[in-house]
Amino acid sequence: MFLPILAATFYLFAIIAAFKMDTPLKGFLFILAVAGVSGILYLFVLFPGISGLAVALMLAAFILRQKRK
């Protein structure tokens, strides 16, 4: 019961922070980033092996793309 309450509090604070951003677009992008990170963490819990491999591939692609610039 503690973890769902903690998660709800975190999302509440994230929404409050999104409304205090400079522009609505920044707030929307912040909420999308929070949702993305939450989704990846959920995948780690749901499918530890598959999601770990997927995240490793995404990080490798990101790192390799940064080196090209």
N, C-alpha and C. Protein backbone atom coordinates (compact mmCIF):
# COMPACT_ATOMS: atom_id res chain seq x y z
N MET A 1 0.82 -1.20 0.00
CA MET A 1 0.00 0.00 0.00
C MET A 1 0.86 1.26 0.00
N PHE A 2 2.06 1.15 0.55
CA PHE A 2 2.93 2.32 0.63
C PHE A 2 3.41 2.77 -0.74
N LEU A 3 3.79 1.82 -1.60
CA LEU A 3 4.33 2.18 -2.91
C LEU A 3 3.31 2.86 -3.82
N PRO A 4 2.05 2.41 -3.89
CA PRO A 4 1.09 3.16 -4.71
C PRO A 4 0.85 4.58 -4.21
N ILE A 5 0.85 4.77 -2.89
CA ILE A 5 0.68 6.12 -2.35
C ILE A 5 1.89 6.97 -2.69
N LEU A 6 3.08 6.40 -2.59
CA LEU A 6 4.30 7.12 -2.95
C LEU A 6 4.30 7.50 -4.43
N ALA A 7 3.88 6.57 -5.29
CA ALA A 7 3.81 6.85 -6.73
C ALA A 7 2.79 7.93 -7.03
N ALA A 8 1.64 7.88 -6.40
CA ALA A 8 0.61 8.90 -6.62
C ALA A 8 1.10 10.27 -6.18
N THR A 9 1.81 10.32 -5.07
CA THR A 9 2.36 11.59 -4.60
C THR A 9 3.40 12.13 -5.58
N PHE A 10 4.24 11.24 -6.11
CA PHE A 10 5.23 11.65 -7.09
C PHE A 10 4.56 12.23 -8.33
N TYR A 11 3.51 11.56 -8.84
CA TYR A 11 2.82 12.06 -10.03
C TYR A 11 2.10 13.37 -9.74
N LEU A 12 1.56 13.52 -8.55
CA LEU A 12 0.93 14.78 -8.18
C LEU A 12 1.94 15.92 -8.20
N PHE A 13 3.12 15.70 -7.62
CA PHE A 13 4.16 16.72 -7.63
C PHE A 13 4.66 16.99 -9.05
N ALA A 14 4.71 15.96 -9.89
CA ALA A 14 5.13 16.15 -11.28
C ALA A 14 4.12 17.01 -12.04
N ILE A 15 2.85 16.80 -11.79
CA ILE A 15 1.82 17.60 -12.46
C ILE A 15 1.88 19.05 -11.97
N ILE A 16 2.08 19.24 -10.67
CA ILE A 16 2.21 20.60 -10.14
C ILE A 16 3.42 21.29 -10.75
N ALA A 17 4.54 20.57 -10.87
CA ALA A 17 5.74 21.15 -11.47
C ALA A 17 5.50 21.47 -12.94
N ALA A 18 4.74 20.63 -13.65
CA ALA A 18 4.47 20.88 -15.06
C ALA A 18 3.66 22.16 -15.24
N PHE A 19 2.72 22.42 -14.34
CA PHE A 19 1.92 23.64 -14.45
C PHE A 19 2.72 24.89 -14.11
N LYS A 20 3.84 24.74 -13.39
CA LYS A 20 4.66 25.89 -13.03
C LYS A 20 5.77 26.16 -14.04
N MET A 21 5.82 25.39 -15.13
CA MET A 21 6.84 25.60 -16.16
C MET A 21 6.56 26.91 -16.90
N ASP A 22 7.58 27.38 -17.63
CA ASP A 22 7.46 28.65 -18.34
C ASP A 22 6.36 28.63 -19.40
N THR A 23 6.32 27.58 -20.20
CA THR A 23 5.32 27.49 -21.26
C THR A 23 4.58 26.16 -21.11
N PRO A 24 3.36 26.10 -21.64
CA PRO A 24 2.63 24.83 -21.59
C PRO A 24 3.35 23.70 -22.33
N LEU A 25 4.09 24.04 -23.39
CA LEU A 25 4.81 23.01 -24.13
C LEU A 25 5.89 22.36 -23.26
N LYS A 26 6.60 23.17 -22.48
CA LYS A 26 7.62 22.61 -21.58
C LYS A 26 6.97 21.71 -20.53
N GLY A 27 5.83 22.10 -20.02
CA GLY A 27 5.11 21.28 -19.06
C GLY A 27 4.66 19.97 -19.66
N PHE A 28 4.15 20.04 -20.89
CA PHE A 28 3.71 18.83 -21.58
C PHE A 28 4.88 17.90 -21.84
N LEU A 29 6.00 18.43 -22.28
CA LEU A 29 7.18 17.61 -22.53
C LEU A 29 7.72 17.00 -21.23
N PHE A 30 7.62 17.74 -20.15
CA PHE A 30 8.04 17.22 -18.85
C PHE A 30 7.17 16.03 -18.44
N ILE A 31 5.86 16.15 -18.62
CA ILE A 31 4.96 15.06 -18.29
C ILE A 31 5.24 13.85 -19.19
N LEU A 32 5.53 14.09 -20.47
CA LEU A 32 5.88 12.98 -21.36
C LEU A 32 7.16 12.29 -20.90
N ALA A 33 8.15 13.07 -20.46
CA ALA A 33 9.41 12.49 -19.98
C ALA A 33 9.16 11.65 -18.71
N VAL A 34 8.36 12.17 -17.80
CA VAL A 34 8.03 11.42 -16.58
C VAL A 34 7.30 10.13 -16.93
N ALA A 35 6.36 10.20 -17.87
CA ALA A 35 5.62 9.01 -18.28
C ALA A 35 6.55 8.00 -18.95
N GLY A 36 7.49 8.48 -19.75
CA GLY A 36 8.43 7.58 -20.40
C GLY A 36 9.33 6.85 -19.42
N VAL A 37 9.85 7.59 -18.46
CA VAL A 37 10.71 6.97 -17.44
C VAL A 37 9.91 5.99 -16.60
N SER A 38 8.68 6.36 -16.26
CA SER A 38 7.82 5.45 -15.49
C SER A 38 7.51 4.18 -16.28
N GLY A 39 7.29 4.34 -17.58
CA GLY A 39 7.01 3.18 -18.42
C GLY A 39 8.19 2.24 -18.50
N ILE A 40 9.39 2.79 -18.62
CA ILE A 40 10.59 1.95 -18.67
C ILE A 40 10.80 1.24 -17.33
N LEU A 41 10.58 1.94 -16.23
CA LEU A 41 10.70 1.29 -14.92
C LEU A 41 9.65 0.18 -14.77
N TYR A 42 8.46 0.42 -15.28
CA TYR A 42 7.41 -0.60 -15.23
C TYR A 42 7.83 -1.82 -16.05
N LEU A 43 8.45 -1.58 -17.21
CA LEU A 43 8.92 -2.70 -18.02
C LEU A 43 10.00 -3.49 -17.30
N PHE A 44 10.87 -2.81 -16.55
CA PHE A 44 11.90 -3.51 -15.79
C PHE A 44 11.27 -4.45 -14.77
N VAL A 45 10.17 -4.03 -14.18
CA VAL A 45 9.50 -4.87 -13.19
C VAL A 45 8.75 -6.01 -13.87
N LEU A 46 8.09 -5.70 -15.00
CA LEU A 46 7.25 -6.68 -15.66
C LEU A 46 8.05 -7.73 -16.44
N PHE A 47 9.02 -7.27 -17.22
CA PHE A 47 9.85 -8.16 -18.04
C PHE A 47 11.31 -7.83 -17.81
N PRO A 48 11.93 -8.35 -16.77
CA PRO A 48 13.30 -7.94 -16.44
C PRO A 48 14.31 -8.23 -17.55
N GLY A 49 14.25 -9.38 -18.19
CA GLY A 49 15.26 -9.70 -19.20
C GLY A 49 15.05 -8.95 -20.50
N ILE A 50 13.81 -8.93 -20.99
CA ILE A 50 13.51 -8.30 -22.27
C ILE A 50 13.71 -6.79 -22.19
N SER A 51 13.20 -6.17 -21.15
CA SER A 51 13.31 -4.71 -21.06
C SER A 51 14.75 -4.29 -20.81
N GLY A 52 15.49 -5.08 -20.07
CA GLY A 52 16.90 -4.75 -19.85
C GLY A 52 17.67 -4.75 -21.16
N LEU A 53 17.38 -5.72 -22.01
CA LEU A 53 18.02 -5.78 -23.32
C LEU A 53 17.59 -4.60 -24.18
N ALA A 54 16.29 -4.26 -24.14
CA ALA A 54 15.80 -3.14 -24.94
C ALA A 54 16.42 -1.83 -24.49
N VAL A 55 16.53 -1.62 -23.19
CA VAL A 55 17.13 -0.38 -22.68
C VAL A 55 18.62 -0.34 -23.02
N ALA A 56 19.31 -1.47 -22.93
CA ALA A 56 20.72 -1.50 -23.30
C ALA A 56 20.90 -1.13 -24.77
N LEU A 57 20.04 -1.65 -25.65
CA LEU A 57 20.13 -1.31 -27.07
C LEU A 57 19.84 0.16 -27.32
N MET A 58 18.84 0.72 -26.61
CA MET A 58 18.54 2.15 -26.78
C MET A 58 19.70 3.01 -26.30
N LEU A 59 20.29 2.66 -25.16
CA LEU A 59 21.44 3.43 -24.67
C LEU A 59 22.62 3.33 -25.60
N ALA A 60 22.86 2.15 -26.15
CA ALA A 60 23.97 1.98 -27.09
C ALA A 60 23.74 2.81 -28.34
N ALA A 61 22.52 2.81 -28.86
CA ALA A 61 22.21 3.62 -30.04
C ALA A 61 22.39 5.10 -29.74
N PHE A 62 21.97 5.53 -28.57
CA PHE A 62 22.12 6.94 -28.19
C PHE A 62 23.59 7.32 -28.08
N ILE A 63 24.38 6.48 -27.44
CA ILE A 63 25.80 6.77 -27.27
C ILE A 63 26.51 6.79 -28.61
N LEU A 64 26.22 5.83 -29.47
CA LEU A 64 26.86 5.79 -30.78
C LEU A 64 26.45 6.99 -31.63
N ARG A 65 25.20 7.43 -31.52
CA ARG A 65 24.76 8.59 -32.27
C ARG A 65 25.44 9.86 -31.79
N GLN A 66 25.70 9.96 -30.48
CA GLN A 66 26.37 11.14 -29.93
C GLN A 66 27.82 11.22 -30.41
N LYS A 67 28.44 10.09 -30.61
CA LYS A 67 29.85 10.09 -31.03
C LYS A 67 29.99 10.56 -32.47
N ARG A 68 28.96 10.40 -33.30
CA ARG A 68 29.02 10.81 -34.69
C ARG A 68 28.99 12.31 -34.86
N LYS A 69 28.42 13.03 -33.94
CA LYS A 69 28.27 14.50 -34.08
C LYS A 69 29.56 15.23 -33.93
